[in-house]
Amino acid sequence: MSRITSPILRRIVSRFALTALFGASVALAGCGRKEDDKKVMIPALPVMRVEAGDADIPTPYSVRLEGRSDAEIRPQVDGVLQEILVKEGDLVKKGQPLFRIDDSTYRELYNTAVAARQAAEAQASVARVNAEKLVPLVENKVVAPVQLTTAKAQEQAAKAAAAQAAAQARAARINLDYSVVKAPFAGYVGRIPFRQGTLVTKNQAQPLTTLADVSRMYAVFSISELEFARFKGIYPGNTINEKLASVPPVTLTLSDGSVYPHPGKLESLSGGFDRVTGSIGMRASFPNEAGLLRSGNSGTVSLSARFNGIMLVPQTATVDLQDKIFVFLLQPGSKVKKQVVSVSGKSGPNYIVTAGIRPGDTIVTAGIDKLKDGAVVKPAAAVPAAGPAPAATPVNAR
C-alpha cells in the first residue's frame, strides 16, 4: 500500500481513525454499563418457606370491667346529713359507718314505741292474772264458765296488742339504726356528691355514694352467634361448663396498651342471646388483690384457641387487590408468581392461610410493593412469621 504523503489527507485520515476509535470505546463502555445495570436490577428480597403447624391463636374482645360487688349507697330514712365519716377512695370494711343522719326524730319515735310496748305488755299481764283467778271460781261453780272464756279472750287480745307494740318498737329501732349508713360489704368508696348539712331523703334520685368490691374483677363482653358456634367446636367437653373449664388462661390488655400481669379465667356464659344485637354475654374473672383495677375500666381480653395444621403468613408479605389477597410465590429459576390465597382470619401480624399455597412453598416477605408477576429475584434469608407458634421458617439465602 502506498504511503500517504499529502499533509491534508494525512490529517483527515487521522481524525477519522480517532473518531472511529472513540466510538468503539463508547460502544464497549455502554455495553459494560448495560451488563452491570442488568445485574443490579435483580433485587435481593427476603423469602420464607411456609410450613403447617399447630398454634394457639388469640382472639381479642372489647370488655368492660366490673367489681365483684358494685352498689349504690342510698339513705333509708329522711333527714339532714349530720356527718360524713369517710373520704372518696377509702377502703372500708363491711359494717363500717359511712354517713350519719340526724336521728333526733327517730330516737324519740323509738322511745315512744318502747313505752307503748311496755304498756301493752303490762295490760297483757293484767289480763292473764284476771283469767287465772277465775279458774278456781269456775271449778267451784261460783261464777259461770262464760266469764272465764271472756277473760281468756281478753288475755289473748292483750297479748296480741303487746306483740304489735313490740313490732312497732322494732320498726322504730330499725329506722333509728338507718340514721347511720353502713357499708354492706368491704370495698372502695366512690364519689360523694353531698356535703354535711344537706337534706337527704330515701326517695332521692342520686345516691350518697357508690361502693365497689374490687378484690376480684369481672371482664364482661359479648360474642356473636357464629363465634359461639365456633367456641363450642374448638374447646373440648360435653357441656358448656366443661368447655369453659378447658379454655386457657385469659389475657387482659388495658386501654393504655399495657398487659395486666395476672391472667384471668373464663367462668360464665349468659343464659340466652340478646334479641337486638344477636350476641351472647361472657364473663372472665381476674384477681385484683393490689387494687390496680377499678370498676368502669375498659380494655380487651384475648381468648386463645388451639388450631392444628394451619399456615401463618405475615401480612406484610401480602398484597390486597380488589378484595383478594395475593402473595409472591417463588418459582424455579428464582422467578416469582403472583398467587391469590384464602384467608380465614388473623393472628397478630399474620394471616391464617387455608388455600392458595401449600406447606413447603416459598414466598417473598418484603419489597413486594413494586414487584411484578414473573420477575426474577435474588432470595435472601428472612425472619419467620411472627405469631404464637413457629408456623413458618426462613429459607437460606442462595
Protein backbone atom coordinates (compact mmCIF):
# COMPACT_ATOMS: atom_id res chain seq x y z
CA MET A 1 0.00 0.00 0.00
CA SER A 2 1.29 3.40 -0.97
CA ARG A 3 2.20 5.82 1.75
CA ILE A 4 0.01 8.90 2.16
CA THR A 5 2.24 11.87 1.56
CA SER A 6 -0.21 14.73 1.45
CA PRO A 7 -0.35 16.54 4.82
CA ILE A 8 -4.02 17.47 4.42
CA LEU A 9 -5.06 13.94 3.50
CA ARG A 10 -2.99 12.56 6.40
CA ARG A 11 -4.84 14.83 8.89
CA ILE A 12 -8.24 13.73 7.53
CA VAL A 13 -7.36 10.06 7.91
CA SER A 14 -6.02 10.59 11.41
CA ARG A 15 -9.21 12.35 12.55
CA PHE A 16 -11.37 9.60 11.04
CA ALA A 17 -9.35 6.96 12.88
CA LEU A 18 -9.65 8.79 16.20
CA THR A 19 -13.40 9.19 15.77
CA ALA A 20 -13.82 5.50 14.98
CA LEU A 21 -11.69 4.54 17.96
CA PHE A 22 -13.68 6.82 20.30
CA GLY A 23 -16.99 5.45 19.04
CA ALA A 24 -15.83 1.92 19.58
CA SER A 25 -14.71 2.77 23.10
CA VAL A 26 -18.09 4.37 23.91
CA ALA A 27 -19.94 1.41 22.49
CA LEU A 28 -17.89 -1.00 24.56
CA ALA A 29 -18.39 1.12 27.70
CA GLY A 30 -22.14 1.27 27.03
CA CYS A 31 -22.34 -2.47 26.70
CA GLY A 32 -20.50 -2.82 30.00
CA ARG A 33 -22.93 -0.50 31.79
CA LYS A 34 -25.92 -2.36 30.39
CA GLU A 35 -24.49 -5.61 31.66
CA ASP A 36 -23.83 -4.02 35.07
CA ASP A 37 -27.32 -2.46 35.15
CA LYS A 38 -28.84 -5.80 34.26
CA LYS A 39 -27.09 -7.36 37.23
CA VAL A 40 -28.14 -4.54 39.59
CA MET A 41 -31.81 -4.75 38.53
CA ILE A 42 -32.18 -8.21 40.13
CA PRO A 43 -33.33 -7.33 43.68
CA ALA A 44 -32.24 -9.32 46.69
CA LEU A 45 -35.51 -9.92 48.62
CA PRO A 46 -36.16 -11.92 51.79
CA VAL A 47 -38.13 -15.11 51.39
CA MET A 48 -39.54 -17.74 53.74
CA ARG A 49 -40.68 -21.32 53.48
CA VAL A 50 -44.23 -21.81 54.72
CA GLU A 51 -44.86 -24.80 56.95
CA ALA A 52 -48.04 -26.15 58.50
CA GLY A 53 -48.11 -26.36 62.27
CA ASP A 54 -50.14 -26.04 65.43
CA ALA A 55 -50.73 -22.67 67.04
CA ASP A 56 -52.57 -21.03 69.93
CA ILE A 57 -54.41 -18.19 68.19
CA PRO A 58 -55.66 -15.37 70.46
CA THR A 59 -58.94 -13.65 69.60
CA PRO A 60 -59.43 -10.17 71.16
CA TYR A 61 -62.75 -8.86 72.56
CA SER A 62 -63.54 -5.43 73.97
CA VAL A 63 -64.54 -5.62 77.63
CA ARG A 64 -65.94 -3.52 80.44
CA LEU A 65 -64.63 -4.21 83.94
CA GLU A 66 -66.93 -4.63 86.93
CA GLY A 67 -66.16 -5.29 90.56
CA ARG A 68 -67.32 -8.37 92.41
CA SER A 69 -69.98 -6.20 94.04
CA ASP A 70 -70.96 -2.71 92.92
CA ALA A 71 -73.66 -0.95 94.95
CA GLU A 72 -75.25 2.46 95.21
CA ILE A 73 -75.39 3.60 98.82
CA ARG A 74 -78.73 5.35 99.48
CA PRO A 75 -80.37 6.71 102.64
CA GLN A 76 -83.19 4.62 104.12
CA VAL A 77 -84.63 7.49 106.17
CA ASP A 78 -85.17 11.21 105.62
CA GLY A 79 -83.12 13.78 107.46
CA VAL A 80 -80.22 16.18 107.50
CA LEU A 81 -76.82 14.73 106.68
CA GLN A 82 -75.11 15.31 110.00
CA GLU A 83 -71.70 13.75 109.43
CA ILE A 84 -69.65 12.22 106.59
CA LEU A 85 -67.40 9.58 108.14
CA VAL A 86 -65.32 8.54 105.11
CA LYS A 87 -63.49 10.10 102.17
CA GLU A 88 -63.72 9.34 98.49
CA GLY A 89 -61.50 6.39 97.60
CA ASP A 90 -61.31 4.99 101.15
CA LEU A 91 -61.16 1.23 101.56
CA VAL A 92 -63.82 0.34 104.13
CA LYS A 93 -64.80 -2.84 105.92
CA LYS A 94 -68.19 -4.49 105.99
CA GLY A 95 -70.43 -2.74 108.55
CA GLN A 96 -68.21 0.34 108.83
CA PRO A 97 -70.24 3.60 109.28
CA LEU A 98 -70.15 5.83 106.21
CA PHE A 99 -72.69 8.62 106.95
CA ARG A 100 -74.67 9.81 109.93
CA ILE A 101 -78.13 11.36 109.51
CA ASP A 102 -79.77 13.46 112.25
CA ASP A 103 -81.54 10.84 114.40
CA SER A 104 -83.35 13.00 116.96
CA THR A 105 -86.79 12.39 115.45
CA TYR A 106 -86.24 8.67 115.04
CA ARG A 107 -84.86 8.32 118.54
CA GLU A 108 -87.99 9.89 120.03
CA LEU A 109 -90.20 7.68 117.88
CA TYR A 110 -88.29 4.69 119.13
CA ASN A 111 -88.66 5.77 122.77
CA THR A 112 -92.39 6.22 122.22
CA ALA A 113 -92.68 2.80 120.67
CA VAL A 114 -90.77 1.22 123.55
CA ALA A 115 -93.11 2.86 126.07
CA ALA A 116 -96.16 1.65 124.13
CA ARG A 117 -94.74 -1.86 124.10
CA GLN A 118 -94.18 -1.82 127.84
CA ALA A 119 -97.74 -0.60 128.44
CA ALA A 120 -99.15 -3.31 126.20
CA GLU A 121 -97.10 -5.97 127.97
CA ALA A 122 -98.42 -4.73 131.33
CA GLN A 123 -102.00 -4.94 130.09
CA ALA A 124 -101.32 -8.45 128.86
CA SER A 125 -100.04 -9.39 132.32
CA VAL A 126 -103.19 -7.97 133.96
CA ALA A 127 -105.40 -9.89 131.55
CA ARG A 128 -103.51 -13.10 132.29
CA VAL A 129 -103.98 -12.62 136.06
CA ASN A 130 -107.69 -11.93 135.63
CA ALA A 131 -108.10 -15.09 133.65
CA GLU A 132 -106.13 -17.22 136.10
CA LYS A 133 -108.10 -16.10 139.19
CA LEU A 134 -111.38 -17.13 137.54
CA VAL A 135 -110.25 -20.73 137.05
CA PRO A 136 -110.92 -21.95 140.67
CA LEU A 137 -114.14 -19.97 140.79
CA VAL A 138 -115.45 -21.74 137.74
CA GLU A 139 -114.32 -25.11 139.08
CA ASN A 140 -116.25 -24.46 142.30
CA LYS A 141 -119.18 -23.19 140.27
CA VAL A 142 -119.03 -19.80 141.89
CA VAL A 143 -119.09 -18.00 138.58
CA ALA A 144 -120.34 -19.02 135.20
CA PRO A 145 -117.85 -20.57 132.74
CA VAL A 146 -118.60 -17.81 130.24
CA GLN A 147 -116.77 -15.31 132.43
CA LEU A 148 -113.60 -17.40 132.25
CA THR A 149 -113.97 -17.69 128.50
CA THR A 150 -114.32 -13.94 128.23
CA ALA A 151 -111.30 -13.36 130.46
CA LYS A 152 -109.15 -15.70 128.35
CA ALA A 153 -110.22 -13.90 125.18
CA GLN A 154 -109.25 -10.60 126.75
CA GLU A 155 -105.89 -12.13 127.67
CA GLN A 156 -105.29 -13.20 124.05
CA ALA A 157 -106.21 -9.72 122.80
CA ALA A 158 -103.83 -8.15 125.29
CA LYS A 159 -101.02 -10.48 124.18
CA ALA A 160 -101.68 -9.56 120.55
CA ALA A 161 -101.58 -5.87 121.38
CA ALA A 162 -98.30 -6.40 123.22
CA ALA A 163 -96.85 -8.25 120.20
CA GLN A 164 -97.99 -5.45 117.89
CA ALA A 165 -96.41 -2.85 120.13
CA ALA A 166 -93.18 -4.87 120.22
CA ALA A 167 -93.13 -4.98 116.38
CA GLN A 168 -93.63 -1.22 116.22
CA ALA A 169 -90.75 -0.77 118.65
CA ARG A 170 -88.51 -2.96 116.47
CA ALA A 171 -89.51 -0.98 113.37
CA ALA A 172 -88.69 2.25 115.17
CA ARG A 173 -85.34 0.77 116.16
CA ILE A 174 -84.61 -0.14 112.54
CA ASN A 175 -85.31 3.43 111.41
CA LEU A 176 -83.10 4.71 114.19
CA ASP A 177 -80.30 2.39 113.08
CA TYR A 178 -80.79 3.56 109.47
CA SER A 179 -79.74 7.02 110.57
CA VAL A 180 -76.19 5.61 110.47
CA VAL A 181 -75.47 4.45 106.91
CA LYS A 182 -73.08 1.48 106.98
CA ALA A 183 -71.10 -0.37 104.31
CA PRO A 184 -72.95 -3.53 103.19
CA PHE A 185 -69.63 -5.13 102.19
CA ALA A 186 -65.92 -4.33 102.07
CA GLY A 187 -64.87 -2.13 99.18
CA TYR A 188 -63.77 1.26 97.90
CA VAL A 189 -65.87 4.37 98.39
CA GLY A 190 -66.80 6.22 95.21
CA ARG A 191 -67.65 9.87 94.62
CA ILE A 192 -69.55 11.66 97.42
CA PRO A 193 -71.70 14.42 95.85
CA PHE A 194 -73.31 15.56 99.13
CA ARG A 195 -71.96 17.73 101.93
CA GLN A 196 -72.65 17.98 105.61
CA GLY A 197 -75.97 19.74 106.32
CA THR A 198 -77.67 18.56 103.12
CA LEU A 199 -81.23 17.27 103.42
CA VAL A 200 -81.38 13.71 102.12
CA THR A 201 -84.41 11.51 101.53
CA LYS A 202 -84.93 7.82 100.94
CA ASN A 203 -86.60 8.54 97.57
CA GLN A 204 -83.89 10.81 96.14
CA ALA A 205 -82.53 10.02 92.67
CA GLN A 206 -78.84 10.43 93.44
CA PRO A 207 -77.11 8.01 95.80
CA LEU A 208 -74.97 9.17 98.70
CA THR A 209 -72.03 7.35 97.11
CA THR A 210 -71.12 4.06 95.49
CA LEU A 211 -69.23 1.14 96.95
CA ALA A 212 -67.19 -1.29 94.87
CA ASP A 213 -65.71 -4.58 95.98
CA VAL A 214 -62.78 -4.91 93.56
CA SER A 215 -60.93 -7.76 95.27
CA ARG A 216 -61.85 -9.71 92.14
CA MET A 217 -62.76 -8.09 88.83
CA TYR A 218 -65.06 -9.29 86.09
CA ALA A 219 -64.44 -8.55 82.40
CA VAL A 220 -67.80 -8.57 80.63
CA PHE A 221 -68.02 -8.92 76.84
CA SER A 222 -70.21 -10.36 74.08
CA ILE A 223 -69.67 -12.77 71.21
CA SER A 224 -71.77 -13.30 68.10
CA GLU A 225 -73.82 -16.39 67.36
CA LEU A 226 -71.22 -17.51 64.81
CA GLU A 227 -68.41 -17.08 67.33
CA PHE A 228 -70.44 -19.01 69.90
CA ALA A 229 -70.82 -21.91 67.48
CA ARG A 230 -67.06 -21.77 66.84
CA PHE A 231 -66.45 -21.67 70.60
CA LYS A 232 -68.44 -24.87 71.09
CA GLY A 233 -66.48 -26.60 68.34
CA ILE A 234 -62.99 -25.55 69.40
CA TYR A 235 -62.90 -26.35 73.10
CA PRO A 236 -63.31 -29.91 74.41
CA GLY A 237 -66.10 -31.00 76.71
CA ASN A 238 -69.66 -32.29 76.59
CA THR A 239 -71.25 -29.39 78.47
CA ILE A 240 -70.77 -25.62 78.46
CA ASN A 241 -69.21 -25.77 81.93
CA GLU A 242 -66.70 -28.37 80.74
CA LYS A 243 -65.84 -26.24 77.71
CA LEU A 244 -65.41 -23.15 79.91
CA ALA A 245 -63.09 -25.11 82.17
CA SER A 246 -60.92 -26.12 79.20
CA VAL A 247 -60.35 -22.56 77.95
CA PRO A 248 -56.70 -21.49 78.55
CA PRO A 249 -55.98 -18.52 80.86
CA VAL A 250 -57.34 -15.21 79.57
CA THR A 251 -55.08 -12.20 78.99
CA LEU A 252 -56.30 -8.66 79.78
CA THR A 253 -54.91 -5.66 77.90
CA LEU A 254 -55.82 -2.28 79.39
CA SER A 255 -56.81 0.82 77.44
CA ASP A 256 -53.25 2.22 77.60
CA GLY A 257 -51.89 -0.88 75.87
CA SER A 258 -50.33 -2.41 78.99
CA VAL A 259 -50.96 -6.06 79.78
CA TYR A 260 -52.40 -6.86 83.22
CA PRO A 261 -49.83 -9.08 84.96
CA HIS A 262 -52.31 -11.62 86.32
CA PRO A 263 -54.11 -13.98 83.91
CA GLY A 264 -57.84 -14.48 84.25
CA LYS A 265 -60.30 -17.31 83.84
CA LEU A 266 -63.38 -17.51 81.62
CA GLU A 267 -66.05 -18.60 84.05
CA SER A 268 -69.61 -17.92 82.88
CA LEU A 269 -71.88 -17.58 79.88
CA SER A 270 -75.23 -15.80 79.68
CA GLY A 271 -78.43 -17.83 79.52
CA GLY A 272 -79.53 -16.55 76.09
CA PHE A 273 -78.85 -14.33 73.11
CA ASP A 274 -79.77 -10.66 73.01
CA ARG A 275 -82.65 -10.23 70.57
CA VAL A 276 -81.41 -6.82 69.42
CA THR A 277 -77.69 -7.47 68.94
CA GLY A 278 -77.80 -11.23 68.36
CA SER A 279 -74.91 -11.71 70.78
CA ILE A 280 -74.45 -13.62 74.00
CA GLY A 281 -72.60 -12.35 77.06
CA MET A 282 -69.50 -13.92 78.58
CA ARG A 283 -67.55 -13.10 81.73
CA ALA A 284 -63.94 -13.62 82.72
CA SER A 285 -62.62 -13.01 86.24
CA PHE A 286 -59.25 -11.58 87.29
CA PRO A 287 -57.62 -11.39 90.75
CA ASN A 288 -57.13 -7.83 92.00
CA GLU A 289 -55.63 -8.02 95.48
CA ALA A 290 -53.44 -4.96 94.82
CA GLY A 291 -56.44 -2.91 93.70
CA LEU A 292 -54.86 -1.95 90.35
CA LEU A 293 -58.18 -2.35 88.52
CA ARG A 294 -61.37 -0.36 89.11
CA SER A 295 -64.98 -0.73 88.06
CA GLY A 296 -65.63 1.01 84.76
CA ASN A 297 -62.17 0.33 83.30
CA SER A 298 -62.14 -0.77 79.68
CA GLY A 299 -59.77 -2.95 77.70
CA THR A 300 -59.61 -6.14 75.69
CA VAL A 301 -59.38 -9.79 76.63
CA SER A 302 -57.74 -12.41 74.42
CA LEU A 303 -59.13 -15.93 74.30
CA SER A 304 -56.64 -18.47 72.97
CA ALA A 305 -57.71 -21.47 70.94
CA ARG A 306 -55.59 -24.32 69.62
CA PHE A 307 -55.56 -24.73 65.84
CA ASN A 308 -53.91 -27.72 64.15
CA GLY A 309 -52.29 -27.82 60.72
CA ILE A 310 -52.55 -24.11 59.89
CA MET A 311 -50.23 -21.84 57.91
CA LEU A 312 -49.30 -18.38 59.17
CA VAL A 313 -48.18 -15.79 56.61
CA PRO A 314 -47.05 -12.27 57.59
CA GLN A 315 -49.50 -9.60 56.48
CA THR A 316 -46.50 -7.62 55.20
CA ALA A 317 -45.85 -10.44 52.72
CA THR A 318 -49.27 -9.99 51.08
CA VAL A 319 -50.91 -7.55 48.69
CA ASP A 320 -54.61 -6.62 48.84
CA LEU A 321 -56.19 -6.03 45.43
CA GLN A 322 -59.91 -5.98 44.58
CA ASP A 323 -60.97 -7.83 47.73
CA LYS A 324 -58.37 -10.52 47.11
CA ILE A 325 -55.12 -11.23 48.93
CA PHE A 326 -52.01 -12.18 46.95
CA VAL A 327 -48.54 -13.46 47.77
CA PHE A 328 -45.50 -13.73 45.52
CA LEU A 329 -44.65 -17.42 45.21
CA LEU A 330 -41.04 -18.28 44.38
CA GLN A 331 -40.75 -20.46 41.24
CA PRO A 332 -37.80 -22.38 39.71
CA GLY A 333 -35.19 -20.04 38.32
CA SER A 334 -35.87 -17.54 41.13
CA LYS A 335 -38.90 -16.17 39.31
CA VAL A 336 -41.96 -15.09 41.29
CA LYS A 337 -45.63 -15.81 40.64
CA LYS A 338 -48.45 -13.65 41.94
CA GLN A 339 -50.69 -16.13 43.76
CA VAL A 340 -54.11 -15.50 45.34
CA VAL A 341 -54.59 -17.06 48.79
CA SER A 342 -57.61 -17.75 51.01
CA VAL A 343 -57.51 -16.25 54.49
CA SER A 344 -59.70 -17.42 57.37
CA GLY A 345 -58.56 -14.92 59.99
CA LYS A 346 -55.72 -13.10 61.65
CA SER A 347 -53.25 -13.98 64.36
CA GLY A 348 -51.42 -10.86 65.47
CA PRO A 349 -49.41 -9.60 62.45
CA ASN A 350 -50.08 -12.80 60.49
CA TYR A 351 -52.83 -14.13 58.23
CA ILE A 352 -54.17 -17.64 58.74
CA VAL A 353 -53.98 -19.05 55.21
CA THR A 354 -56.13 -22.03 54.29
CA ALA A 355 -55.72 -22.27 50.49
CA GLY A 356 -53.64 -20.96 47.58
CA ILE A 357 -50.29 -22.15 48.86
CA ARG A 358 -49.08 -25.40 50.32
CA PRO A 359 -46.66 -26.34 53.08
CA GLY A 360 -43.14 -26.17 51.69
CA ASP A 361 -43.85 -23.31 49.28
CA THR A 362 -41.53 -20.32 49.40
CA ILE A 363 -42.87 -16.76 49.32
CA VAL A 364 -41.32 -13.29 49.24
CA THR A 365 -41.79 -11.49 52.55
CA ALA A 366 -40.72 -7.90 51.81
CA GLY A 367 -40.18 -5.45 48.98
CA ILE A 368 -43.26 -6.61 47.09
CA ASP A 369 -44.87 -3.21 46.52
CA LYS A 370 -43.37 -2.82 43.04
CA LEU A 371 -42.74 -6.49 42.33
CA LYS A 372 -44.35 -7.85 39.15
CA ASP A 373 -45.51 -11.29 38.18
CA GLY A 374 -42.67 -13.23 36.55
CA ALA A 375 -39.89 -11.02 37.89
CA VAL A 376 -36.56 -12.55 38.84
CA VAL A 377 -35.34 -12.03 42.41
CA LYS A 378 -32.34 -12.99 44.46
CA PRO A 379 -33.68 -14.87 47.53
CA ALA A 380 -32.32 -13.77 50.89
CA ALA A 381 -32.88 -15.02 54.43
CA ALA A 382 -35.96 -13.76 56.29
CA VAL A 383 -37.24 -13.82 59.85
CA PRO A 384 -40.02 -16.39 60.41
CA ALA A 385 -43.62 -15.16 60.61
CA ALA A 386 -44.41 -13.51 63.91
CA GLY A 387 -47.11 -15.22 65.91
CA PRO A 388 -48.00 -17.58 68.71
CA ALA A 389 -46.43 -20.62 67.04
CA PRO A 390 -43.48 -21.33 64.77
CA ALA A 391 -45.73 -21.76 61.72
CA ALA A 392 -43.11 -20.56 59.22
CA THR A 393 -39.38 -20.94 58.85
CA PRO A 394 -36.88 -18.88 56.82
CA VAL A 395 -35.19 -20.08 53.67
CA ASN A 396 -31.39 -19.90 53.46
CA ALA A 397 -30.02 -17.33 51.00
CA ARG A 398 -28.84 -18.78 47.73
